[in-house]
Amino acid sequence: MKFKLYTSDASKSSEVEIKNFPVIDSKDAEKGARALKQYLIAYMANQRQGNASTMSRNQKLSTPGKKWYAQKGTGRSRHGDRTAPQLKGGAVAFGPHPRKYTQKINAQAKTMALVRALAEAAPKISLIEKFDVGSKPATKTLSATLRKISDKGALLIVDDSYQSPVLLSARNIARLDVGQASQLNAFDLVRYPSIVVSLKGLEKILSRIQP
């Protein structure tokens, strides 16, 4: 697989071939697609807090359970107590209650999902030799470097480890997220329209999917 490789200041670029980068085989185009879908569903489900809560009729203890008015003779609709769902301040019928949305996914499926996500994300991945802004934080320098590489909106940069000046420079750049190669997941690869990875970061990512 061929990628564009930029220098640390993005002044020059060249093509480099990564031989062990995963690709989608035309003979088995669906391989890993199901695992990727399963992982994305589980990942988003696990982000849910599940703390939405409503009160049913047996929980509305502050409301008297006495019948509102007589069943007949008033000319009005028949009602029981004031906890009925159709009344203002009444209970909620079939409302949500606290629950867990957690879904488990095994390690093999996670790896398959990551491999498939990498293969699909290949067109939006650019490589950089390393992220470097000097000995002091320089947001303007980092922003200019990344703008030369990509201007497609939200951007994710990935490295094996970051120097403090790079982290401090990145925190004030809009729509820029900083990721670590050891923690990169399939959701990150699918989510961002453009990804810039250092050579060390790519090496770490590929080591995670090697058998």
N, C-alpha and C. Protein backbone atom coordinates (compact mmCIF):
# COMPACT_ATOMS: atom_id res chain seq x y z
N MET A 1 0.85 -1.19 0.00
CA MET A 1 0.00 0.00 0.00
C MET A 1 0.88 1.24 0.00
N LYS A 2 0.60 2.19 -0.87
CA LYS A 2 1.40 3.41 -0.99
C LYS A 2 0.72 4.57 -0.28
N PHE A 3 1.54 5.35 0.44
CA PHE A 3 1.05 6.52 1.16
C PHE A 3 1.96 7.71 0.86
N LYS A 4 1.40 8.90 1.07
CA LYS A 4 2.20 10.11 0.99
C LYS A 4 2.93 10.29 2.31
N LEU A 5 4.23 10.52 2.22
CA LEU A 5 5.04 10.73 3.42
C LEU A 5 5.57 12.16 3.40
N TYR A 6 5.24 12.92 4.46
CA TYR A 6 5.65 14.31 4.56
C TYR A 6 6.80 14.45 5.55
N THR A 7 7.61 15.47 5.34
CA THR A 7 8.65 15.80 6.31
C THR A 7 7.98 16.41 7.55
N SER A 8 8.75 16.62 8.60
CA SER A 8 8.17 17.09 9.86
C SER A 8 7.53 18.47 9.75
N ASP A 9 7.96 19.28 8.77
CA ASP A 9 7.33 20.60 8.56
C ASP A 9 6.43 20.60 7.33
N ALA A 10 6.23 19.43 6.71
CA ALA A 10 5.35 19.25 5.54
C ALA A 10 5.80 20.07 4.34
N SER A 11 7.07 20.43 4.30
CA SER A 11 7.57 21.21 3.16
C SER A 11 7.79 20.33 1.93
N LYS A 12 8.07 19.05 2.15
CA LYS A 12 8.29 18.12 1.05
C LYS A 12 7.50 16.85 1.30
N SER A 13 7.17 16.17 0.20
CA SER A 13 6.45 14.91 0.32
C SER A 13 6.99 13.91 -0.70
N SER A 14 6.81 12.66 -0.37
CA SER A 14 7.23 11.59 -1.27
C SER A 14 6.30 10.40 -1.07
N GLU A 15 6.40 9.42 -1.91
CA GLU A 15 5.58 8.22 -1.77
C GLU A 15 6.37 7.11 -1.12
N VAL A 16 5.74 6.43 -0.20
CA VAL A 16 6.38 5.31 0.47
C VAL A 16 5.42 4.13 0.46
N GLU A 17 5.96 2.94 0.29
CA GLU A 17 5.12 1.75 0.25
C GLU A 17 5.23 1.00 1.58
N ILE A 18 4.06 0.74 2.18
CA ILE A 18 3.99 -0.03 3.43
C ILE A 18 3.48 -1.43 3.05
N LYS A 19 4.36 -2.40 3.10
CA LYS A 19 4.03 -3.73 2.57
C LYS A 19 3.04 -4.49 3.44
N ASN A 20 3.14 -4.34 4.76
CA ASN A 20 2.27 -5.13 5.63
C ASN A 20 1.01 -4.39 6.06
N PHE A 21 0.64 -3.31 5.34
CA PHE A 21 -0.59 -2.59 5.64
C PHE A 21 -1.77 -3.39 5.10
N PRO A 22 -2.84 -3.56 5.87
CA PRO A 22 -3.98 -4.37 5.41
C PRO A 22 -4.72 -3.74 4.23
N VAL A 23 -5.13 -4.58 3.29
CA VAL A 23 -5.90 -4.13 2.14
C VAL A 23 -7.14 -5.02 2.01
N ILE A 24 -8.16 -4.50 1.33
CA ILE A 24 -9.39 -5.26 1.11
C ILE A 24 -9.20 -6.12 -0.13
N ASP A 25 -9.25 -7.42 0.06
CA ASP A 25 -9.06 -8.36 -1.04
C ASP A 25 -10.34 -8.45 -1.86
N SER A 26 -10.21 -8.32 -3.18
CA SER A 26 -11.39 -8.38 -4.05
C SER A 26 -12.07 -9.75 -3.99
N LYS A 27 -11.31 -10.79 -3.67
CA LYS A 27 -11.88 -12.14 -3.60
C LYS A 27 -12.69 -12.33 -2.32
N ASP A 28 -12.35 -11.60 -1.30
CA ASP A 28 -13.06 -11.72 -0.02
C ASP A 28 -13.35 -10.31 0.51
N ALA A 29 -14.18 -9.58 -0.24
CA ALA A 29 -14.44 -8.18 0.06
C ALA A 29 -15.20 -7.97 1.35
N GLU A 30 -15.90 -8.99 1.83
CA GLU A 30 -16.72 -8.84 3.04
C GLU A 30 -15.98 -9.22 4.31
N LYS A 31 -14.73 -9.64 4.20
CA LYS A 31 -14.00 -10.09 5.37
C LYS A 31 -13.82 -8.94 6.38
N GLY A 32 -14.25 -9.17 7.57
CA GLY A 32 -14.10 -8.18 8.63
C GLY A 32 -15.20 -7.13 8.68
N ALA A 33 -16.05 -7.07 7.65
CA ALA A 33 -17.09 -6.04 7.61
C ALA A 33 -18.11 -6.24 8.74
N ARG A 34 -18.47 -7.50 8.97
CA ARG A 34 -19.44 -7.79 10.04
C ARG A 34 -18.84 -7.50 11.41
N ALA A 35 -17.55 -7.83 11.59
CA ALA A 35 -16.89 -7.56 12.87
C ALA A 35 -16.80 -6.05 13.11
N LEU A 36 -16.55 -5.28 12.04
CA LEU A 36 -16.47 -3.82 12.18
C LEU A 36 -17.82 -3.25 12.58
N LYS A 37 -18.88 -3.72 11.94
CA LYS A 37 -20.22 -3.24 12.30
C LYS A 37 -20.55 -3.58 13.75
N GLN A 38 -20.25 -4.81 14.15
CA GLN A 38 -20.51 -5.24 15.51
C GLN A 38 -19.73 -4.39 16.52
N TYR A 39 -18.47 -4.08 16.19
CA TYR A 39 -17.64 -3.29 17.09
C TYR A 39 -18.19 -1.86 17.22
N LEU A 40 -18.58 -1.25 16.10
CA LEU A 40 -19.08 0.12 16.14
C LEU A 40 -20.37 0.21 16.95
N ILE A 41 -21.25 -0.76 16.79
CA ILE A 41 -22.50 -0.77 17.56
C ILE A 41 -22.19 -0.92 19.06
N ALA A 42 -21.27 -1.85 19.38
CA ALA A 42 -20.92 -2.06 20.79
C ALA A 42 -20.24 -0.84 21.38
N TYR A 43 -19.36 -0.20 20.60
CA TYR A 43 -18.62 0.97 21.09
C TYR A 43 -19.60 2.10 21.43
N MET A 44 -20.54 2.38 20.53
CA MET A 44 -21.48 3.47 20.77
C MET A 44 -22.46 3.13 21.89
N ALA A 45 -22.84 1.85 21.99
CA ALA A 45 -23.72 1.44 23.07
C ALA A 45 -23.04 1.61 24.42
N ASN A 46 -21.74 1.33 24.47
CA ASN A 46 -21.00 1.43 25.74
C ASN A 46 -20.78 2.87 26.18
N GLN A 47 -21.02 3.83 25.29
CA GLN A 47 -20.90 5.24 25.67
C GLN A 47 -22.15 5.75 26.38
N ARG A 48 -23.24 4.99 26.30
CA ARG A 48 -24.50 5.44 26.88
C ARG A 48 -24.48 5.27 28.40
N GLN A 49 -24.96 6.28 29.11
CA GLN A 49 -24.99 6.22 30.57
C GLN A 49 -26.14 5.37 31.08
N GLY A 50 -27.24 5.38 30.36
CA GLY A 50 -28.38 4.57 30.78
C GLY A 50 -29.01 5.03 32.08
N ASN A 51 -29.01 6.34 32.35
CA ASN A 51 -29.55 6.83 33.62
C ASN A 51 -30.88 7.57 33.45
N ALA A 52 -31.51 7.48 32.27
CA ALA A 52 -32.83 8.09 32.09
C ALA A 52 -33.84 7.38 32.98
N SER A 53 -34.65 8.17 33.66
CA SER A 53 -35.57 7.56 34.62
C SER A 53 -36.89 8.33 34.67
N THR A 54 -38.00 7.60 34.66
CA THR A 54 -39.32 8.20 34.82
C THR A 54 -40.06 7.44 35.94
N MET A 55 -41.16 8.03 36.41
CA MET A 55 -41.90 7.44 37.52
C MET A 55 -43.18 6.77 36.99
N SER A 56 -43.35 5.52 37.38
CA SER A 56 -44.58 4.81 37.04
C SER A 56 -45.64 5.10 38.10
N ARG A 57 -46.84 4.58 37.92
CA ARG A 57 -47.94 4.92 38.83
C ARG A 57 -47.69 4.46 40.26
N ASN A 58 -47.02 3.32 40.42
CA ASN A 58 -46.78 2.84 41.78
C ASN A 58 -45.63 3.57 42.47
N GLN A 59 -44.94 4.47 41.72
CA GLN A 59 -43.85 5.24 42.31
C GLN A 59 -44.26 6.68 42.66
N LYS A 60 -45.45 7.10 42.20
CA LYS A 60 -45.90 8.47 42.47
C LYS A 60 -46.52 8.52 43.87
N LEU A 61 -45.65 8.36 44.87
CA LEU A 61 -46.13 8.27 46.24
C LEU A 61 -46.61 9.60 46.80
N SER A 62 -46.15 10.70 46.20
CA SER A 62 -46.54 12.01 46.71
C SER A 62 -47.96 12.38 46.28
N THR A 63 -48.52 11.64 45.32
CA THR A 63 -49.86 11.94 44.84
C THR A 63 -50.87 11.04 45.54
N PRO A 64 -51.94 11.58 46.10
CA PRO A 64 -52.94 10.75 46.80
C PRO A 64 -53.53 9.71 45.85
N GLY A 65 -53.81 8.53 46.37
CA GLY A 65 -54.38 7.47 45.55
C GLY A 65 -55.90 7.47 45.57
N LYS A 66 -56.46 8.49 46.18
CA LYS A 66 -57.92 8.56 46.29
C LYS A 66 -58.53 8.87 44.93
N LYS A 67 -59.68 8.30 44.66
CA LYS A 67 -60.39 8.58 43.41
C LYS A 67 -60.70 10.07 43.33
N TRP A 68 -60.48 10.65 42.13
CA TRP A 68 -60.54 12.10 41.96
C TRP A 68 -61.94 12.64 42.26
N TYR A 69 -62.93 12.06 41.65
CA TYR A 69 -64.33 12.43 41.92
C TYR A 69 -65.20 11.23 41.57
N ALA A 70 -66.47 11.38 41.83
CA ALA A 70 -67.39 10.24 41.68
C ALA A 70 -67.38 9.69 40.26
N GLN A 71 -67.64 8.38 40.16
CA GLN A 71 -67.64 7.73 38.85
C GLN A 71 -68.77 8.25 37.97
N LYS A 72 -69.95 8.49 38.53
CA LYS A 72 -71.12 8.89 37.74
C LYS A 72 -71.73 10.17 38.32
N GLY A 73 -72.48 10.82 37.48
CA GLY A 73 -73.27 11.95 37.94
C GLY A 73 -72.61 13.30 37.76
N THR A 74 -71.37 13.37 37.33
CA THR A 74 -70.69 14.67 37.19
C THR A 74 -70.76 15.19 35.76
N GLY A 75 -71.03 14.32 34.80
CA GLY A 75 -71.03 14.74 33.40
C GLY A 75 -69.63 14.83 32.81
N ARG A 76 -68.65 14.44 33.58
CA ARG A 76 -67.26 14.50 33.11
C ARG A 76 -66.74 13.10 32.83
N SER A 77 -65.54 13.05 32.28
CA SER A 77 -64.93 11.75 32.01
C SER A 77 -64.68 11.00 33.30
N ARG A 78 -64.63 9.67 33.20
CA ARG A 78 -64.36 8.85 34.37
C ARG A 78 -62.86 8.83 34.66
N HIS A 79 -62.49 9.06 35.90
CA HIS A 79 -61.09 9.06 36.29
C HIS A 79 -60.92 8.31 37.60
N GLY A 80 -59.73 7.74 37.76
CA GLY A 80 -59.36 7.16 39.05
C GLY A 80 -58.59 8.21 39.84
N ASP A 81 -57.35 7.89 40.20
CA ASP A 81 -56.56 8.88 40.94
C ASP A 81 -55.77 9.76 39.96
N ARG A 82 -55.05 10.72 40.50
CA ARG A 82 -54.36 11.72 39.68
C ARG A 82 -53.03 11.22 39.09
N THR A 83 -52.67 9.98 39.34
CA THR A 83 -51.42 9.45 38.78
C THR A 83 -51.60 8.92 37.35
N ALA A 84 -52.78 9.01 36.80
CA ALA A 84 -53.03 8.50 35.45
C ALA A 84 -52.11 9.19 34.44
N PRO A 85 -51.55 8.47 33.48
CA PRO A 85 -50.58 9.05 32.53
C PRO A 85 -51.13 10.20 31.69
N GLN A 86 -52.45 10.21 31.45
CA GLN A 86 -53.01 11.25 30.58
C GLN A 86 -53.21 12.58 31.29
N LEU A 87 -52.97 12.61 32.61
CA LEU A 87 -53.16 13.84 33.37
C LEU A 87 -51.84 14.57 33.59
N LYS A 88 -51.92 15.89 33.67
CA LYS A 88 -50.73 16.69 33.94
C LYS A 88 -50.20 16.37 35.33
N GLY A 89 -48.90 16.08 35.41
CA GLY A 89 -48.32 15.72 36.69
C GLY A 89 -48.49 14.26 37.04
N GLY A 90 -49.10 13.50 36.11
CA GLY A 90 -49.30 12.09 36.37
C GLY A 90 -48.05 11.28 36.06
N ALA A 91 -48.18 9.97 36.18
CA ALA A 91 -47.06 9.08 35.92
C ALA A 91 -46.81 8.93 34.42
N VAL A 92 -45.72 8.24 34.09
CA VAL A 92 -45.37 8.00 32.69
C VAL A 92 -45.60 6.52 32.38
N ALA A 93 -46.34 6.27 31.32
CA ALA A 93 -46.61 4.88 30.94
C ALA A 93 -45.47 4.36 30.07
N PHE A 94 -44.93 3.21 30.45
CA PHE A 94 -43.85 2.56 29.68
C PHE A 94 -42.64 3.46 29.47
N GLY A 95 -42.35 4.31 30.45
CA GLY A 95 -41.20 5.22 30.34
C GLY A 95 -39.88 4.52 30.61
N PRO A 96 -38.76 5.19 30.29
CA PRO A 96 -37.45 4.58 30.51
C PRO A 96 -37.07 4.52 31.99
N HIS A 97 -36.27 3.52 32.33
CA HIS A 97 -35.74 3.36 33.68
C HIS A 97 -34.24 3.06 33.57
N PRO A 98 -33.46 3.34 34.60
CA PRO A 98 -32.01 3.08 34.53
C PRO A 98 -31.70 1.65 34.12
N ARG A 99 -30.78 1.51 33.17
CA ARG A 99 -30.39 0.20 32.68
C ARG A 99 -28.99 0.28 32.09
N LYS A 100 -28.39 -0.86 31.88
CA LYS A 100 -27.06 -0.93 31.28
C LYS A 100 -27.19 -1.28 29.80
N TYR A 101 -26.46 -0.52 28.96
CA TYR A 101 -26.47 -0.79 27.53
C TYR A 101 -25.18 -1.50 27.08
N THR A 102 -24.36 -1.88 28.05
CA THR A 102 -23.04 -2.44 27.75
C THR A 102 -23.14 -3.69 26.88
N GLN A 103 -22.30 -3.72 25.85
CA GLN A 103 -22.18 -4.90 25.00
C GLN A 103 -20.73 -5.38 25.03
N LYS A 104 -20.56 -6.68 25.13
CA LYS A 104 -19.21 -7.24 25.15
C LYS A 104 -18.81 -7.69 23.75
N ILE A 105 -17.54 -7.53 23.44
CA ILE A 105 -17.01 -7.99 22.16
C ILE A 105 -15.63 -8.58 22.42
N ASN A 106 -15.36 -9.74 21.86
CA ASN A 106 -14.12 -10.44 22.19
C ASN A 106 -12.91 -9.83 21.47
N ALA A 107 -11.73 -10.22 21.89
CA ALA A 107 -10.49 -9.63 21.39
C ALA A 107 -10.28 -9.92 19.90
N GLN A 108 -10.65 -11.10 19.46
CA GLN A 108 -10.47 -11.45 18.06
C GLN A 108 -11.34 -10.57 17.15
N ALA A 109 -12.59 -10.33 17.58
CA ALA A 109 -13.48 -9.47 16.80
C ALA A 109 -12.97 -8.03 16.78
N LYS A 110 -12.39 -7.57 17.90
CA LYS A 110 -11.82 -6.22 17.96
C LYS A 110 -10.67 -6.08 16.96
N THR A 111 -9.81 -7.10 16.91
CA THR A 111 -8.68 -7.05 15.98
C THR A 111 -9.15 -7.07 14.54
N MET A 112 -10.14 -7.91 14.24
CA MET A 112 -10.68 -7.96 12.88
C MET A 112 -11.31 -6.63 12.48
N ALA A 113 -12.00 -6.00 13.44
CA ALA A 113 -12.62 -4.70 13.17
C ALA A 113 -11.56 -3.64 12.91
N LEU A 114 -10.47 -3.67 13.67
CA LEU A 114 -9.38 -2.71 13.48
C LEU A 114 -8.71 -2.90 12.12
N VAL A 115 -8.50 -4.16 11.73
CA VAL A 115 -7.89 -4.45 10.43
C VAL A 115 -8.77 -3.94 9.30
N ARG A 116 -10.06 -4.21 9.39
CA ARG A 116 -10.99 -3.76 8.35
C ARG A 116 -11.07 -2.23 8.31
N ALA A 117 -11.12 -1.60 9.48
CA ALA A 117 -11.19 -0.14 9.54
C ALA A 117 -9.93 0.49 8.96
N LEU A 118 -8.76 -0.09 9.22
CA LEU A 118 -7.51 0.40 8.64
C LEU A 118 -7.53 0.31 7.12
N ALA A 119 -8.01 -0.82 6.62
CA ALA A 119 -8.07 -1.01 5.16
C ALA A 119 -9.01 0.01 4.51
N GLU A 120 -10.14 0.27 5.15
CA GLU A 120 -11.10 1.23 4.59
C GLU A 120 -10.62 2.67 4.74
N ALA A 121 -9.83 2.93 5.79
CA ALA A 121 -9.36 4.30 6.05
C ALA A 121 -8.11 4.67 5.28
N ALA A 122 -7.53 3.72 4.55
CA ALA A 122 -6.26 3.96 3.85
C ALA A 122 -6.27 5.22 2.98
N PRO A 123 -7.34 5.51 2.20
CA PRO A 123 -7.32 6.72 1.35
C PRO A 123 -7.23 8.04 2.11
N LYS A 124 -7.63 8.05 3.37
CA LYS A 124 -7.61 9.31 4.12
C LYS A 124 -6.46 9.39 5.12
N ILE A 125 -5.53 8.45 5.06
CA ILE A 125 -4.38 8.44 5.95
C ILE A 125 -3.16 9.04 5.24
N SER A 126 -2.50 9.97 5.91
CA SER A 126 -1.23 10.54 5.43
C SER A 126 -0.17 10.28 6.48
N LEU A 127 1.06 10.11 6.03
CA LEU A 127 2.16 9.83 6.96
C LEU A 127 3.06 11.05 7.10
N ILE A 128 3.61 11.21 8.29
CA ILE A 128 4.58 12.28 8.55
C ILE A 128 5.76 11.65 9.27
N GLU A 129 6.94 12.15 9.00
CA GLU A 129 8.14 11.57 9.61
C GLU A 129 8.05 11.63 11.14
N LYS A 130 7.70 12.79 11.66
CA LYS A 130 7.47 12.96 13.10
C LYS A 130 6.79 14.30 13.34
N PHE A 131 6.13 14.42 14.47
CA PHE A 131 5.52 15.69 14.86
C PHE A 131 6.53 16.47 15.67
N ASP A 132 6.89 17.65 15.16
CA ASP A 132 7.93 18.44 15.81
C ASP A 132 7.64 19.92 15.63
N VAL A 133 7.63 20.67 16.74
CA VAL A 133 7.42 22.12 16.69
C VAL A 133 8.58 22.87 17.35
N GLY A 134 9.64 22.14 17.71
CA GLY A 134 10.77 22.76 18.39
C GLY A 134 10.72 22.52 19.88
N SER A 135 11.51 23.30 20.59
CA SER A 135 11.63 23.12 22.04
C SER A 135 10.51 23.80 22.83
N LYS A 136 9.78 24.71 22.17
CA LYS A 136 8.69 25.43 22.83
C LYS A 136 7.39 25.22 22.08
N PRO A 137 6.25 25.31 22.77
CA PRO A 137 4.96 25.17 22.08
C PRO A 137 4.80 26.23 21.00
N ALA A 138 4.26 25.80 19.85
CA ALA A 138 4.05 26.72 18.72
C ALA A 138 2.81 26.26 17.96
N THR A 139 1.67 26.75 18.39
CA THR A 139 0.40 26.37 17.76
C THR A 139 0.37 26.76 16.29
N LYS A 140 0.89 27.93 15.99
CA LYS A 140 0.89 28.42 14.61
C LYS A 140 1.71 27.50 13.70
N THR A 141 2.85 27.04 14.19
CA THR A 141 3.71 26.15 13.40
C THR A 141 3.02 24.82 13.13
N LEU A 142 2.45 24.21 14.17
CA LEU A 142 1.77 22.92 14.00
C LEU A 142 0.55 23.05 13.10
N SER A 143 -0.20 24.13 13.28
CA SER A 143 -1.39 24.35 12.46
C SER A 143 -1.03 24.50 10.98
N ALA A 144 0.04 25.25 10.70
CA ALA A 144 0.47 25.44 9.32
C ALA A 144 0.94 24.12 8.70
N THR A 145 1.62 23.31 9.50
CA THR A 145 2.09 22.01 9.00
C THR A 145 0.92 21.10 8.63
N LEU A 146 -0.06 21.03 9.52
CA LEU A 146 -1.20 20.16 9.28
C LEU A 146 -2.08 20.67 8.14
N ARG A 147 -2.14 21.98 7.97
CA ARG A 147 -2.94 22.56 6.89
C ARG A 147 -2.35 22.20 5.53
N LYS A 148 -1.03 22.06 5.47
CA LYS A 148 -0.40 21.66 4.20
C LYS A 148 -0.72 20.20 3.85
N ILE A 149 -0.97 19.42 4.88
CA ILE A 149 -1.23 18.00 4.66
C ILE A 149 -2.71 17.76 4.35
N SER A 150 -3.59 18.40 5.11
CA SER A 150 -5.02 18.15 4.92
C SER A 150 -5.84 19.37 5.32
N ASP A 151 -6.92 19.61 4.57
CA ASP A 151 -7.85 20.69 4.92
C ASP A 151 -9.28 20.18 4.80
N LYS A 152 -9.50 18.93 5.22
CA LYS A 152 -10.81 18.29 5.05
C LYS A 152 -11.68 18.39 6.30
N GLY A 153 -11.37 19.28 7.20
CA GLY A 153 -12.19 19.43 8.39
C GLY A 153 -11.57 18.77 9.59
N ALA A 154 -12.36 17.97 10.31
CA ALA A 154 -11.89 17.32 11.53
C ALA A 154 -10.68 16.44 11.23
N LEU A 155 -9.68 16.54 12.08
CA LEU A 155 -8.41 15.86 11.83
C LEU A 155 -7.96 15.12 13.08
N LEU A 156 -7.40 13.94 12.87
CA LEU A 156 -6.85 13.14 13.96
C LEU A 156 -5.37 12.93 13.69
N ILE A 157 -4.54 13.25 14.67
CA ILE A 157 -3.11 12.94 14.55
C ILE A 157 -2.78 11.80 15.50
N VAL A 158 -1.93 10.90 15.04
CA VAL A 158 -1.61 9.70 15.81
C VAL A 158 -0.11 9.52 15.88
N ASP A 159 0.39 9.30 17.07
CA ASP A 159 1.82 9.05 17.26
C ASP A 159 2.00 8.01 18.36
N ASP A 160 3.20 7.45 18.40
CA ASP A 160 3.52 6.47 19.44
C ASP A 160 3.56 7.15 20.80
N SER A 161 4.23 8.29 20.87
CA SER A 161 4.27 9.12 22.07
C SER A 161 4.55 10.55 21.64
N TYR A 162 4.12 11.51 22.46
CA TYR A 162 4.23 12.92 22.09
C TYR A 162 5.17 13.66 23.04
N GLN A 163 5.87 14.61 22.47
CA GLN A 163 6.64 15.53 23.31
C GLN A 163 5.69 16.60 23.83
N SER A 164 6.01 17.14 24.98
CA SER A 164 5.14 18.11 25.62
C SER A 164 4.83 19.33 24.72
N PRO A 165 5.82 19.90 23.99
CA PRO A 165 5.51 21.06 23.14
C PRO A 165 4.46 20.75 22.07
N VAL A 166 4.45 19.52 21.55
CA VAL A 166 3.47 19.16 20.52
C VAL A 166 2.07 19.10 21.13
N LEU A 167 1.94 18.50 22.31
CA LEU A 167 0.64 18.42 22.97
C LEU A 167 0.09 19.80 23.30
N LEU A 168 0.96 20.67 23.80
CA LEU A 168 0.52 22.02 24.15
C LEU A 168 0.16 22.82 22.91
N SER A 169 0.83 22.55 21.80
CA SER A 169 0.53 23.25 20.54
C SER A 169 -0.79 22.79 19.95
N ALA A 170 -1.14 21.53 20.16
CA ALA A 170 -2.33 20.96 19.53
C ALA A 170 -3.63 21.32 20.24
N ARG A 171 -3.54 21.70 21.51
CA ARG A 171 -4.78 21.84 22.29
C ARG A 171 -5.62 23.04 21.87
N ASN A 172 -5.06 24.01 21.17
CA ASN A 172 -5.82 25.20 20.77
C ASN A 172 -6.20 25.20 19.29
N ILE A 173 -5.98 24.09 18.60
CA ILE A 173 -6.34 24.01 17.18
C ILE A 173 -7.74 23.42 17.08
N ALA A 174 -8.62 24.16 16.41
CA ALA A 174 -10.01 23.72 16.29
C ALA A 174 -10.12 22.44 15.48
N ARG A 175 -11.01 21.56 15.92
CA ARG A 175 -11.34 20.32 15.22
C ARG A 175 -10.14 19.40 15.04
N LEU A 176 -9.21 19.48 15.96
CA LEU A 176 -8.04 18.59 15.96
C LEU A 176 -8.06 17.73 17.21
N ASP A 177 -7.94 16.43 17.02
CA ASP A 177 -7.87 15.51 18.15
C ASP A 177 -6.54 14.78 18.11
N VAL A 178 -6.03 14.49 19.29
CA VAL A 178 -4.74 13.81 19.42
C VAL A 178 -4.98 12.38 19.89
N GLY A 179 -4.47 11.42 19.12
CA GLY A 179 -4.64 10.01 19.47
C GLY A 179 -3.31 9.33 19.69
N GLN A 180 -3.35 8.22 20.40
CA GLN A 180 -2.14 7.44 20.67
C GLN A 180 -2.26 6.11 19.94
N ALA A 181 -1.16 5.69 19.32
CA ALA A 181 -1.18 4.49 18.50
C ALA A 181 -1.60 3.25 19.28
N SER A 182 -1.21 3.18 20.54
CA SER A 182 -1.53 2.01 21.36
C SER A 182 -3.01 1.94 21.72
N GLN A 183 -3.73 3.07 21.59
CA GLN A 183 -5.14 3.11 21.97
C GLN A 183 -6.06 3.38 20.78
N LEU A 184 -5.52 3.49 19.58
CA LEU A 184 -6.33 3.76 18.40
C LEU A 184 -7.33 2.62 18.19
N ASN A 185 -8.58 2.96 17.89
CA ASN A 185 -9.59 1.92 17.66
C ASN A 185 -10.32 2.15 16.34
N ALA A 186 -11.16 1.20 15.99
CA ALA A 186 -11.86 1.25 14.70
C ALA A 186 -12.80 2.44 14.61
N PHE A 187 -13.39 2.84 15.74
CA PHE A 187 -14.32 3.98 15.73
C PHE A 187 -13.59 5.27 15.33
N ASP A 188 -12.36 5.46 15.84
CA ASP A 188 -11.57 6.64 15.47
C ASP A 188 -11.27 6.66 13.97
N LEU A 189 -10.94 5.50 13.42
CA LEU A 189 -10.59 5.42 12.01
C LEU A 189 -11.79 5.71 11.11
N VAL A 190 -12.97 5.33 11.56
CA VAL A 190 -14.18 5.57 10.77
C VAL A 190 -14.66 7.01 10.93
N ARG A 191 -14.47 7.57 12.10
CA ARG A 191 -15.07 8.86 12.45
C ARG A 191 -14.43 10.05 11.73
N TYR A 192 -13.11 10.06 11.63
CA TYR A 192 -12.43 11.25 11.13
C TYR A 192 -12.24 11.22 9.62
N PRO A 193 -12.49 12.36 8.93
CA PRO A 193 -12.31 12.41 7.48
C PRO A 193 -10.85 12.46 7.05
N SER A 194 -9.96 12.79 7.97
CA SER A 194 -8.54 12.85 7.64
C SER A 194 -7.71 12.46 8.86
N ILE A 195 -6.67 11.65 8.62
CA ILE A 195 -5.83 11.14 9.71
C ILE A 195 -4.36 11.30 9.31
N VAL A 196 -3.57 11.85 10.21
CA VAL A 196 -2.12 12.00 9.98
C VAL A 196 -1.40 11.15 11.02
N VAL A 197 -0.58 10.22 10.54
CA VAL A 197 0.09 9.26 11.42
C VAL A 197 1.59 9.39 11.24
N SER A 198 2.32 9.38 12.36
CA SER A 198 3.78 9.39 12.28
C SER A 198 4.27 7.99 11.93
N LEU A 199 5.51 7.90 11.50
CA LEU A 199 6.08 6.60 11.14
C LEU A 199 6.14 5.66 12.35
N LYS A 200 6.53 6.20 13.50
CA LYS A 200 6.56 5.37 14.71
C LYS A 200 5.16 4.96 15.14
N GLY A 201 4.22 5.87 14.95
CA GLY A 201 2.83 5.55 15.28
C GLY A 201 2.29 4.44 14.40
N LEU A 202 2.58 4.50 13.09
CA LEU A 202 2.13 3.46 12.17
C LEU A 202 2.76 2.11 12.51
N GLU A 203 4.03 2.16 12.86
CA GLU A 203 4.73 0.92 13.25
C GLU A 203 4.05 0.27 14.46
N LYS A 204 3.65 1.09 15.42
CA LYS A 204 2.98 0.59 16.61
C LYS A 204 1.60 0.01 16.26
N ILE A 205 0.87 0.70 15.40
CA ILE A 205 -0.47 0.23 15.00
C ILE A 205 -0.38 -1.12 14.30
N LEU A 206 0.56 -1.24 13.37
CA LEU A 206 0.69 -2.49 12.62
C LEU A 206 1.15 -3.63 13.51
N SER A 207 1.92 -3.33 14.55
CA SER A 207 2.36 -4.39 15.47
C SER A 207 1.19 -4.95 16.27
N ARG A 208 0.14 -4.15 16.43
CA ARG A 208 -1.04 -4.60 17.18
C ARG A 208 -1.89 -5.58 16.39
N ILE A 209 -1.81 -5.56 15.06
CA ILE A 209 -2.67 -6.43 14.26
C ILE A 209 -1.90 -7.60 13.64
N GLN A 210 -0.61 -7.68 13.92
CA GLN A 210 0.16 -8.79 13.39
C GLN A 210 -0.13 -10.04 14.21
N PRO A 211 -0.26 -11.20 13.54
CA PRO A 211 -0.54 -12.44 14.27
C PRO A 211 0.65 -12.85 15.14
